[in-house]
Protein backbone atom coordinates (compact mmCIF):
# COMPACT_ATOMS: atom_id res chain seq x y z
CA MET A 1 11.06 33.42 91.58
CA GLN A 2 13.72 32.22 89.18
CA ILE A 3 16.44 32.36 91.85
CA ARG A 4 14.17 30.53 94.33
CA GLY A 5 13.48 27.88 91.73
CA ILE A 6 17.16 27.28 91.20
CA ALA A 7 17.67 26.95 94.95
CA LEU A 8 14.80 24.50 95.27
CA THR A 9 16.14 22.44 92.38
CA ALA A 10 19.57 22.27 93.99
CA LEU A 11 18.02 21.21 97.29
CA PHE A 12 15.91 18.56 95.53
CA LEU A 13 19.01 17.10 93.91
CA THR A 14 20.84 17.15 97.23
CA LEU A 15 18.05 15.26 98.98
CA ILE A 16 17.94 12.65 96.22
CA LEU A 17 21.60 12.19 95.61
CA GLY A 18 23.30 12.84 98.94
CA ALA A 19 26.96 13.63 98.35
CA GLN A 20 26.61 14.54 94.69
CA PRO A 21 29.42 16.37 92.91
CA LEU A 22 27.74 17.94 89.90
CA LEU A 23 30.91 18.91 88.05
CA ALA A 24 32.46 16.58 85.46
CA GLN A 25 35.43 14.54 86.64
CA SER A 26 38.60 13.95 84.69
CA PRO A 27 39.23 10.39 83.43
CA VAL A 28 40.93 8.02 85.88
CA ASP A 29 43.79 5.74 84.87
CA LEU A 30 42.82 2.34 86.31
CA THR A 31 45.83 0.42 84.98
CA SER A 32 47.42 0.54 88.45
CA TYR A 33 44.32 -1.08 89.97
CA PRO A 34 43.63 -4.22 87.92
CA ASP A 35 41.45 -5.68 90.70
CA PHE A 36 39.13 -2.67 90.76
CA ASN A 37 35.88 -3.50 89.01
CA PRO A 38 33.63 -0.41 88.64
CA ASN A 39 30.71 -2.74 87.96
CA PHE A 40 31.10 -4.42 91.35
CA ILE A 41 32.69 -2.20 93.96
CA LEU A 42 31.17 -3.58 97.17
CA SER A 43 28.66 -6.34 97.85
CA ASP A 44 25.19 -5.59 99.19
CA ASP A 45 26.24 -7.08 102.56
CA ASP A 46 29.21 -4.72 102.63
CA ILE A 47 26.67 -1.90 102.96
CA PHE A 48 23.83 -3.55 104.87
CA ASP A 49 25.34 -6.20 107.17
CA ALA A 50 24.90 -4.41 110.49
CA THR A 51 26.32 -7.44 112.36
CA SER A 52 29.77 -7.33 110.77
CA LEU A 53 31.30 -5.83 113.92
CA THR A 54 30.33 -5.65 117.56
CA PHE A 55 30.54 -2.26 119.26
CA ASP A 56 33.74 -3.26 121.08
CA GLN A 57 35.32 -4.47 117.82
CA MET A 58 34.40 -1.25 116.08
CA ALA A 59 35.79 0.87 118.92
CA SER A 60 38.99 -1.21 118.93
CA PHE A 61 39.33 -0.70 115.19
CA LEU A 62 38.93 3.08 115.56
CA ARG A 63 41.53 3.17 118.31
CA SER A 64 43.93 1.25 116.08
CA LYS A 65 43.52 3.82 113.30
CA GLY A 66 43.50 7.18 115.05
CA ARG A 67 41.77 9.34 117.60
CA LEU A 68 38.19 9.50 116.35
CA THR A 69 36.78 7.21 119.04
CA ASN A 70 38.01 9.62 121.75
CA TYR A 71 36.04 12.62 120.45
CA ARG A 72 32.81 13.54 122.23
CA LEU A 73 30.16 15.19 120.06
CA LYS A 74 26.46 15.98 120.25
CA ASP A 75 24.13 13.36 118.86
CA THR A 76 20.96 14.35 117.00
CA ASP A 77 19.07 14.34 120.33
CA GLY A 78 21.48 16.93 121.74
CA VAL A 79 23.12 14.45 124.13
CA GLU A 80 26.92 14.36 124.06
CA LYS A 81 28.34 10.94 123.16
CA THR A 82 31.57 9.47 121.84
CA ALA A 83 31.98 9.35 118.08
CA ALA A 84 31.96 5.55 118.29
CA GLU A 85 28.62 5.56 120.12
CA ILE A 86 27.07 7.81 117.48
CA ILE A 87 28.33 5.69 114.59
CA TRP A 88 27.09 2.53 116.32
CA ARG A 89 23.64 3.99 117.04
CA VAL A 90 23.15 4.97 113.41
CA ALA A 91 24.45 1.61 112.14
CA GLN A 92 22.00 -0.31 114.31
CA SER A 93 19.07 2.09 113.77
CA TYR A 94 19.26 1.90 109.98
CA LYS A 95 20.77 -1.60 109.70
CA ILE A 96 23.87 -0.27 107.94
CA ASN A 97 27.23 -2.02 108.07
CA PRO A 98 29.40 -0.09 110.56
CA LYS A 99 32.40 -0.92 108.37
CA TYR A 100 30.76 0.96 105.50
CA LEU A 101 30.09 4.03 107.67
CA LEU A 102 33.74 4.03 108.77
CA ALA A 103 34.95 3.76 105.17
CA LEU A 104 32.58 6.56 104.13
CA LEU A 105 33.91 8.82 106.90
CA GLN A 106 37.46 8.14 105.75
CA LYS A 107 36.68 8.58 102.07
CA GLU A 108 34.86 11.89 102.52
CA GLN A 109 36.84 13.63 105.28
CA SER A 110 39.69 11.27 106.38
CA LEU A 111 38.15 11.35 109.85
CA VAL A 112 39.15 7.83 110.90
CA GLU A 113 42.88 8.28 110.34
CA ASP A 114 43.40 12.06 110.57
CA PRO A 115 45.12 12.75 113.94
CA ASN A 116 43.92 16.37 114.05
CA PRO A 117 40.63 16.78 112.17
CA SER A 118 39.16 20.26 111.80
CA PRO A 119 35.62 21.30 112.82
CA ALA A 120 34.70 21.45 109.12
CA GLN A 121 35.62 17.80 108.71
CA PHE A 122 33.15 16.88 111.45
CA ASP A 123 30.48 19.25 110.11
CA TRP A 124 30.47 17.52 106.69
CA ALA A 125 31.66 14.09 107.83
CA THR A 126 29.99 11.98 105.13
CA GLY A 127 29.76 14.67 102.43
CA TYR A 128 25.98 14.51 102.60
CA GLY A 129 24.07 17.46 101.13
CA ILE A 130 27.06 19.13 99.50
CA CYS A 131 28.41 19.14 95.96
CA ASP A 132 31.38 20.55 94.10
CA SER A 133 29.37 23.55 92.87
CA CYS A 134 27.38 24.13 96.10
CA SER A 135 28.10 26.42 99.02
CA LYS A 136 28.31 24.88 102.48
CA ASP A 137 26.93 28.19 103.79
CA SER A 138 23.68 27.80 101.87
CA PRO A 139 20.65 27.88 104.22
CA SER A 140 19.21 24.88 102.37
CA VAL A 141 21.92 22.49 103.65
CA GLN A 142 22.32 23.64 107.25
CA GLU A 143 20.04 20.93 108.65
CA PHE A 144 22.53 18.35 107.36
CA LYS A 145 25.49 19.99 109.13
CA GLY A 146 27.14 18.26 112.08
CA PHE A 147 28.78 14.90 112.69
CA ALA A 148 25.72 13.02 113.91
CA SER A 149 23.41 14.56 111.32
CA GLN A 150 25.81 13.70 108.51
CA ILE A 151 26.00 10.03 109.47
CA GLU A 152 22.25 9.83 110.08
CA TRP A 153 21.33 11.36 106.72
CA ALA A 154 23.83 9.19 104.84
CA ALA A 155 22.49 6.01 106.43
CA LYS A 156 18.89 7.08 105.92
CA GLN A 157 19.61 7.85 102.27
CA HIS A 158 21.00 4.37 101.61
CA ARG A 159 18.40 2.39 103.53
CA GLU A 160 15.19 4.40 103.00
CA LYS A 161 15.78 6.10 99.65
CA TYR A 162 18.26 4.25 97.44
CA LEU A 163 17.29 0.71 98.46
CA PHE A 164 13.57 1.48 98.28
CA GLN A 165 13.95 3.01 94.81
CA LEU A 166 16.00 0.06 93.57
CA LEU A 167 13.59 -2.55 94.92
CA ILE A 168 10.49 -0.78 93.60
CA ASN A 169 11.68 0.75 90.32
CA GLY A 170 14.94 -1.03 89.54
CA TRP A 171 16.95 2.21 89.60
CA THR A 172 17.55 5.23 91.79
CA LEU A 173 16.25 8.68 90.85
CA SER A 174 19.71 9.42 89.42
CA GLY A 175 19.17 6.59 86.91
CA MET A 176 21.64 4.08 88.40
CA GLY A 177 20.39 0.51 88.66
CA LYS A 178 21.48 -3.11 88.71
CA ASN A 179 22.34 -4.32 85.18
CA LYS A 180 21.58 -0.83 83.82
CA THR A 181 24.46 0.75 81.86
CA SER A 182 25.39 4.39 82.47
CA GLN A 183 28.23 6.59 81.33
CA ILE A 184 30.48 7.65 84.22
CA ASP A 185 33.50 9.83 83.45
CA GLY A 186 33.53 8.53 79.86
CA MET A 187 33.35 4.90 80.98
CA SER A 188 30.42 2.50 80.56
CA VAL A 189 29.42 1.23 84.00
CA THR A 190 26.86 -1.55 84.53
CA PRO A 191 26.32 -2.12 88.26
CA ALA A 192 26.15 -5.84 89.05
CA ASN A 193 24.33 -5.28 92.33
CA HIS A 194 22.35 -2.73 94.33
CA ALA A 195 25.40 -1.66 96.35
CA THR A 196 27.34 -0.48 93.30
CA ALA A 197 24.30 1.38 91.96
CA MET A 198 24.01 3.14 95.33
CA LEU A 199 27.68 4.07 95.41
CA PHE A 200 27.50 5.73 92.00
CA THR A 201 24.31 7.51 93.05
CA TYR A 202 25.96 8.87 96.19
CA THR A 203 29.24 9.68 94.41
CA PRO A 204 28.68 9.67 90.63
CA HIS A 205 32.28 9.48 89.46
CA ILE A 206 35.00 6.87 89.23
CA ARG A 207 37.63 8.62 91.32
CA GLY A 208 35.56 8.83 94.50
CA ASN A 209 34.45 5.23 94.29
CA LEU A 210 37.99 4.07 93.59
CA SER A 211 39.01 5.88 96.76
CA LEU A 212 36.30 4.08 98.74
CA TRP A 213 37.31 0.73 97.23
CA LYS A 214 40.98 1.28 98.13
CA ILE A 215 40.03 2.05 101.73
CA TRP A 216 37.83 -1.04 101.88
CA GLN A 217 40.56 -3.26 100.45
CA ARG A 218 43.12 -1.87 102.86
CA TRP A 219 40.91 -2.23 105.92
CA PHE A 220 38.53 -5.10 105.42
CA LYS A 221 39.22 -7.30 102.39
CA THR A 222 41.65 -10.00 103.35
CA ILE A 223 42.48 -13.58 102.51
CA TYR A 224 42.72 -14.53 106.18
CA PRO A 225 39.89 -14.15 108.70
CA ASP A 226 40.29 -11.87 111.70
CA GLY A 227 42.07 -13.63 114.52
CA THR A 228 44.29 -15.79 112.29
CA VAL A 229 47.91 -16.13 113.41
CA VAL A 230 50.13 -16.28 110.32
CA ARG A 231 53.83 -17.02 109.93
CA ALA A 232 55.68 -15.77 106.83
CA ALA A 233 57.21 -18.75 105.05
CA SER A 234 60.58 -17.14 104.23
CA SER A 235 61.16 -14.54 106.93
CA GLY A 236 59.64 -16.57 109.75
CA LYS A 237 57.97 -13.48 111.19
CA THR A 238 54.65 -14.15 112.91
CA TYR A 239 51.64 -11.88 112.82
CA LEU A 240 48.09 -11.60 114.08
CA ILE A 241 45.63 -10.59 111.36
CA ARG A 242 43.19 -8.00 112.64
CA PHE A 243 41.05 -5.47 110.75
CA GLY A 244 42.95 -5.88 107.49
CA GLU A 245 46.36 -5.33 109.08
CA LYS A 246 49.15 -7.65 110.14
CA ARG A 247 50.35 -7.03 113.68
CA ALA A 248 53.73 -8.46 114.52
CA PHE A 249 54.38 -10.10 117.88
CA ALA A 250 57.06 -8.00 119.51
CA SER A 251 58.79 -10.98 121.12
CA PRO A 252 58.63 -14.79 121.35
CA ALA A 253 57.36 -14.37 124.92
CA VAL A 254 54.35 -12.34 123.78
CA PHE A 255 53.66 -14.84 121.01
CA SER A 256 53.78 -17.74 123.47
CA ALA A 257 51.52 -15.95 125.94
CA LEU A 258 48.87 -15.14 123.33
CA THR A 259 49.04 -18.29 121.16
CA LEU A 260 47.72 -21.33 123.01
CA ASP A 261 48.52 -23.82 120.25
CA PRO A 262 51.46 -22.93 117.96
CA ASN A 263 50.50 -25.87 115.71
CA LYS A 264 47.48 -23.85 114.54
CA VAL A 265 49.63 -21.07 113.08
CA VAL A 266 49.05 -20.74 109.32
CA THR A 267 52.12 -20.58 107.10
CA ALA A 268 51.77 -18.00 104.32
CA PRO A 269 53.92 -16.82 101.40
CA ASP A 270 55.77 -13.63 102.26
CA VAL A 271 54.37 -11.98 99.12
CA GLU A 272 50.82 -12.62 100.39
CA LEU A 273 51.53 -10.95 103.71
CA GLU A 274 53.11 -7.97 101.95
CA LYS A 275 49.61 -7.04 100.78
CA TYR A 276 48.68 -6.25 104.37
CA PRO A 277 49.69 -2.90 105.88
CA ASP A 278 51.66 -3.15 109.10
CA GLY A 279 49.61 -2.47 112.21
CA LYS A 280 51.01 -1.68 115.63
CA ALA A 281 53.19 -4.41 117.05
CA ILE A 282 51.68 -6.51 119.84
CA LYS A 283 54.00 -5.71 122.71
CA PHE A 284 52.12 -7.05 125.69
CA ALA A 285 50.08 -10.11 126.55
CA LYS A 286 46.75 -10.18 128.34
CA TYR A 287 47.18 -9.63 132.10
CA SER A 288 50.50 -7.84 131.65
CA LEU A 289 51.31 -5.35 134.39
CA LEU A 290 52.34 -1.97 132.99
CA SER A 291 53.57 1.17 134.76
CA ASP A 292 53.13 4.59 133.14
CA PRO A 293 55.48 7.60 133.50
CA ASP A 294 53.52 8.68 136.62
CA ASP A 295 54.13 5.27 138.25
CA LYS A 296 50.48 4.25 137.97
CA ILE A 297 50.21 0.51 137.48
CA PHE A 298 47.69 -1.03 135.08
CA LEU A 299 46.56 -4.56 134.35
CA LEU A 300 45.81 -5.33 130.69
CA THR A 301 42.59 -7.21 129.95
CA GLU A 302 41.14 -8.65 126.75
CA THR A 303 39.70 -5.27 125.78
CA GLY A 304 41.55 -2.53 127.69
CA LYS A 305 43.50 -1.51 130.78
CA ARG A 306 42.53 -1.33 134.47
CA ARG A 307 44.39 0.82 137.00
CA ILE A 308 45.37 -0.83 140.29
CA VAL A 309 44.38 1.85 142.79
CA ASP A 310 47.10 1.30 145.44
CA MET A 311 49.88 -1.01 146.56
CA ALA A 312 47.66 -2.66 149.19
CA THR A 313 45.39 -3.85 146.36
CA PHE A 314 48.45 -4.80 144.31
CA LYS A 315 49.70 -7.06 147.11
CA LYS A 316 46.24 -8.47 147.87
CA PHE A 317 46.04 -10.09 144.45
CA GLY A 318 49.59 -11.46 144.64
CA PHE A 319 51.03 -9.28 141.88
CA ASN A 320 54.82 -9.16 141.67
CA LEU A 321 56.74 -5.93 141.15
CA ASP A 322 59.33 -7.84 139.15
CA GLU A 323 56.65 -8.45 136.52
CA VAL A 324 55.76 -4.76 136.10
CA GLN A 325 57.01 -3.25 132.84
CA THR A 326 57.61 0.48 132.54
CA VAL A 327 56.02 1.83 129.36
CA THR A 328 55.28 5.14 127.66
CA ALA A 329 51.98 6.99 127.74
CA GLU A 330 51.71 6.25 124.01
CA ASP A 331 51.93 2.50 124.69
CA LEU A 332 48.99 2.74 127.07
CA ALA A 333 46.92 5.11 124.93
CA GLU A 334 45.84 2.37 122.52
CA TYR A 335 44.04 0.49 125.30
CA ALA A 336 40.58 1.55 126.41
CA THR A 337 40.28 2.66 130.04
CA GLU A 338 38.16 0.25 132.08
CA SER A 339 37.10 0.16 135.74
CA ASP A 340 39.76 0.41 138.45
CA ILE A 341 40.92 -2.61 140.42
CA ASN A 342 40.38 -2.10 144.14
CA ALA A 343 40.08 -4.20 147.28
CA THR A 344 36.51 -5.26 146.40
CA THR A 345 37.35 -6.43 142.86
CA THR A 346 36.82 -10.14 142.25
CA PHE A 347 39.18 -12.24 140.10
CA PRO A 348 40.76 -9.43 138.03
CA GLN A 349 42.86 -11.98 136.13
CA GLY A 350 39.99 -14.38 135.60
CA ALA A 351 39.28 -17.69 137.31
CA LEU A 352 37.48 -20.98 136.77
CA VAL A 353 34.99 -21.75 139.50
CA LYS A 354 32.39 -24.37 140.35
CA VAL A 355 30.15 -25.31 143.24
CA ALA A 356 31.25 -28.48 145.05
CA GLY A 357 29.30 -31.46 143.77
CA SER A 358 28.07 -29.60 140.68
CA PRO A 359 29.45 -30.41 137.20
CA GLY A 360 29.05 -26.87 135.87
CA VAL A 361 32.20 -24.76 135.42
CA TRP A 362 32.14 -20.97 135.10
CA TYR A 363 34.67 -18.42 133.92
CA VAL A 364 34.63 -15.43 136.27
CA GLU A 365 36.36 -12.10 135.64
CA ASN A 366 35.71 -8.71 137.20
CA GLY A 367 32.77 -10.02 139.21
CA ARG A 368 30.83 -11.50 136.27
CA ARG A 369 30.48 -15.13 135.20
CA GLN A 370 30.17 -16.98 131.90
CA PRO A 371 29.16 -20.65 131.73
CA LEU A 372 31.45 -23.09 129.95
CA ILE A 373 28.75 -25.19 128.33
CA SER A 374 31.18 -27.89 127.19
CA PRO A 375 34.47 -29.41 128.43
CA VAL A 376 35.93 -28.48 125.03
CA PHE A 377 36.47 -24.92 126.31
CA LEU A 378 38.62 -26.23 129.18
CA THR A 379 40.74 -28.21 126.73
CA LEU A 380 41.13 -25.40 124.20
CA TYR A 381 41.58 -22.31 126.36
CA PHE A 382 42.23 -23.31 129.99
CA PRO A 383 44.41 -26.44 129.80
CA HIS A 384 46.44 -25.67 132.92
CA TRP A 385 43.98 -23.67 134.97
CA ARG A 386 42.93 -24.77 138.45
CA ILE A 387 39.17 -24.94 139.05
CA ARG A 388 38.28 -23.29 142.35
CA GLU A 389 35.35 -24.40 144.45
CA VAL A 390 33.01 -21.70 145.73
CA SER A 391 29.76 -21.82 147.64
CA ALA A 392 26.46 -21.63 145.80
CA ALA A 393 25.77 -18.36 147.63
CA GLN A 394 29.05 -16.83 146.43
CA LEU A 395 28.43 -17.96 142.85
CA GLU A 396 25.04 -16.27 142.91
CA THR A 397 26.69 -12.92 143.66
CA PHE A 398 28.22 -12.90 140.16
CA PRO A 399 25.83 -11.66 137.41
CA ILE A 400 25.56 -14.03 134.45
CA ASP A 401 26.90 -13.07 131.02
CA PRO A 402 26.37 -15.02 127.75
CA PRO A 403 28.22 -18.35 127.50
CA TYR A 404 31.95 -18.36 126.86
CA HIS A 405 32.57 -18.36 123.10
CA LEU A 406 35.04 -19.97 120.76
CA HIS A 407 37.99 -17.73 119.91
CA ASP A 408 38.46 -16.06 116.53
CA GLY A 409 40.44 -18.17 114.08
CA GLU A 410 39.25 -21.49 115.53
CA LEU A 411 38.29 -24.19 113.00
CA VAL A 412 35.28 -26.18 114.16
CA LYS A 413 32.74 -28.72 112.99
CA SER A 414 29.78 -30.47 114.54
CA ASN A 415 30.40 -33.99 115.85
CA VAL A 416 27.33 -35.12 113.88
CA ALA A 417 27.76 -33.20 110.59
CA SER A 418 30.53 -32.53 108.08
CA SER A 419 30.35 -28.73 107.59
CA VAL A 420 33.50 -26.91 108.71
CA TYR A 421 33.44 -23.35 110.07
CA VAL A 422 36.02 -20.71 110.88
CA MET A 423 35.30 -18.39 113.80
CA GLU A 424 35.55 -14.67 113.02
CA ASN A 425 34.29 -11.76 115.12
CA GLY A 426 32.16 -14.16 117.16
CA LEU A 427 30.43 -15.63 114.08
CA ARG A 428 30.84 -19.12 112.62
CA ARG A 429 31.49 -18.77 108.91
CA PRO A 430 31.04 -21.86 106.72
CA ILE A 431 34.07 -22.81 104.61
CA PRO A 432 32.48 -23.69 101.23
CA SER A 433 35.03 -26.20 99.91
CA ALA A 434 38.17 -28.22 100.59
CA THR A 435 39.93 -26.15 97.91
CA ILE A 436 39.33 -22.92 99.84
CA PHE A 437 40.33 -24.62 103.11
CA GLU A 438 43.68 -25.69 101.70
CA GLN A 439 44.18 -22.44 99.78
CA VAL A 440 44.22 -20.49 103.03
CA GLY A 441 46.76 -22.89 104.49
CA TRP A 442 44.63 -24.46 107.20
CA GLN A 443 45.38 -28.01 108.31
CA TRP A 444 42.68 -30.64 108.62
CA LYS A 445 44.14 -31.93 111.88
CA ASN A 446 43.36 -28.58 113.53
CA ILE A 447 39.59 -28.87 113.13
CA VAL A 448 37.93 -29.15 116.53
CA GLU A 449 34.79 -31.26 116.84
CA VAL A 450 32.14 -29.69 119.07
CA SER A 451 28.53 -30.37 119.90
CA ASP A 452 25.67 -28.66 118.10
CA GLY A 453 25.01 -26.89 121.40
CA VAL A 454 28.43 -25.23 121.22
CA LEU A 455 27.96 -24.31 117.56
CA ASN A 456 24.54 -22.83 118.14
CA ILE A 457 25.69 -20.23 120.69
CA HIS A 458 27.53 -18.61 117.78
CA ALA A 459 25.47 -16.87 115.11
CA LEU A 460 25.91 -18.12 111.55
CA GLY A 461 27.92 -15.72 109.41
CA LEU A 462 28.41 -15.49 105.66
CA PRO A 463 30.43 -18.21 103.92
CA PHE A 464 34.17 -17.51 104.04
CA THR A 465 35.56 -16.85 100.56
CA PRO A 466 39.07 -15.37 100.29
CA ILE A 467 39.83 -12.88 97.54
């Protein structure tokens, strides 16, 4: 009975605390991390904002970091899915920030960036149900084993256990709570919010939470919003900011093809850009034609690559062999594989269409259409495009997608109100003050006035506040 009691106690602690190392940790020297505040590690939205990324943005981020998105694993229902699909399902089911789940996977098992993860790393992906003094072979923790189960239990623990305990009692069952001081590794810690109390409940030592914070800073905490094009003041190098990295444009031609208005480029101190890790260089523009080592030809889209099935199709769409660039398999690997282009494909490079006599203009690509609800989109993103006239019957053959959106990095305001927003990941984020606006390096002349109708097709995000 005594042995059984010990086992039950260990299981009880596991269920309450999640990934709970029970052994004492050695003191951590924080002098090298002056910005790390153990009382405020992440905000509550950093854990619970399930809208911080779309699925496509999350999958793109995973592809930029490693190979995790390519793995196929069994979900909790026994159905095989991609790792990205499993992470996304859990994030949406439990209203957990997908960024937090990605950071947790990296912190616990390095799964996001490890090019060759082991089966054990997948089995204990979020460290849930295990501790420094526990055996992973214990029968009491086997139900938590497996990639999908690990993510599900971690999300469930945060949303349905920790948050509930904090809202009802003011502290978790481990004793961590907002404005409640605890001793962690010989340091007094007073969580300033629920998120920090949860982090120390899940991982009750400084070192593990410092690791999570470093990952978060490297990936997600930036002074510039996603989609900002930044030029270093001294070196003159130009970068696209994406997912906490700076991605250099490989050539002036690529920069020109991807940057519609060079006057909107933000000039930044070189020292500020040095804080960003270097991402992969942007070598190719949208609609580039690329040939792999097997002589297969692909067209790049906004989100991936599409194979052109044969030369007859290639010629049908007026492609030019002189524009085809020969690339390596590695160059192509970072782009998601999308549907092939064949003789029945419609407008693979996108087109503007309208019905004769009708004022409405549509953007059509790959057989689907998006309405341009305002002429401002034509001015901003299609200044030199020809509008083709089609019959009403032909237009009806294209399924309707949501309206065309403003691009990331755009500065906008209503033509009847003074609030200024920056677009990031499809959301309009209010800029709280003129000081912040000028601190980032934005220019007032680059603010675009739009109607409330245009603003309202974009969900309202959190106010933009740089670090």
